[in-house]
C-alpha cells in the first residue's frame, strides 16, 4: 500500500491539525498528513524468545502502533474531506469532544468504519456540535453489519425543512421489495437507538387555505417540488423517523438515487390541486433551491 499525502492548505486543514494536536497530545507541525504502510505483525515473530518484561513491552508497542495507524488513516480521511471544502466554522471544537473522539477512534481498525469516523471528524471540524458524544458512543459499538443495515435506511432519507424521514406508506412492503429492508432490520435499528420506535408516524403539509404554497423535498442531490394551489387540504404520508443519533449519522451517507422511490413519494402527495415535479436539486447563490432537468409527475 503506497503512502497518500494531503498537503495542508487553507483554514479547514489548519484547524484539523490543531484538533489532532490537542487530541493526541502531539507536537505535530508537519504540513502534510500521511497514510502509513500497514503494520508488519511479523516483526514480533521472535517475541517468544524474549524476557517476559520485553514481551510486555513488545505487546504494548504492537498495540499502540496499531492504534496510531488507525488514527493516522482516520485523520487522513478527515483531511481528504476537508480538502474539498474551504468553508469551516471559526468556532473551536470542544476539548471534551476531541478527547472522547480520539480515545474511541484509536481502536477502530475496520477500514469501512474508519471512513465513517474520518467523515465525523471532518464534519465536527467544519461545524462543531454536529455529532454528540452520545452518538460517538453509539457508533463505537456498531458492528460493520449493523452499519451496513443503517446505510440502507439512511440512503432513503428525505428532508423537508428541518424534518427528515423515510417514506413508508405501506408499512414496509415497498422497502423490502425494492431495497431488501426487512422488518427485522427496522426492529434492530430501533433497538440500537437509530430509528424511532413509534408506529403510525406521519409527515404532513397543512391546508393551504386561500394562499398557494410550494414545498421542497430533498433526496440527496435530487428533489421533489409540490406546487399546492389554494384550498388544498392537509396532505400526509406515513414515515419512519430517525432518532437524534440516527439523524446525525445519516449525514455521513449519500443517498443513492431511486426513481421508483421518488415516484412512490409523488403518489403519496398526488391531488388534483397539486402539481408535482422532480429532478436535480441545486442551491442557488442566494440560498434558494432550484430544480433542473425537471419531470412532471402525471401518474
Foldseek 3Di string as FASTA:
>chain_A
DDKDKDFADADLSVLLVVLCCLQVVDPDDDRIQIQDDDDDPCVCVPVVVDDPVVNVVVVVVVLQVQLVNQVSVLSVLLSVVSVVDNQADPDHADSVVSNLLSVLRSPDRPPVLSNLSSVVSNVCRRPNPLADSVLVVLSSPQDPVLVVLLLLQLLQWKDWDHFIWHFDQPPCPCCCVPRVNDPVNVVVCCVSQFWPPDAQDKDKDAAQAQQWDKTWIDRQQKIKIKTAHHGDHMAMGGTIGTGSSNVSSSVSHGHDDDPVRVLVVVVSRDDPRIKMKMAGWDQDPVRDIDHPPIDTRDD
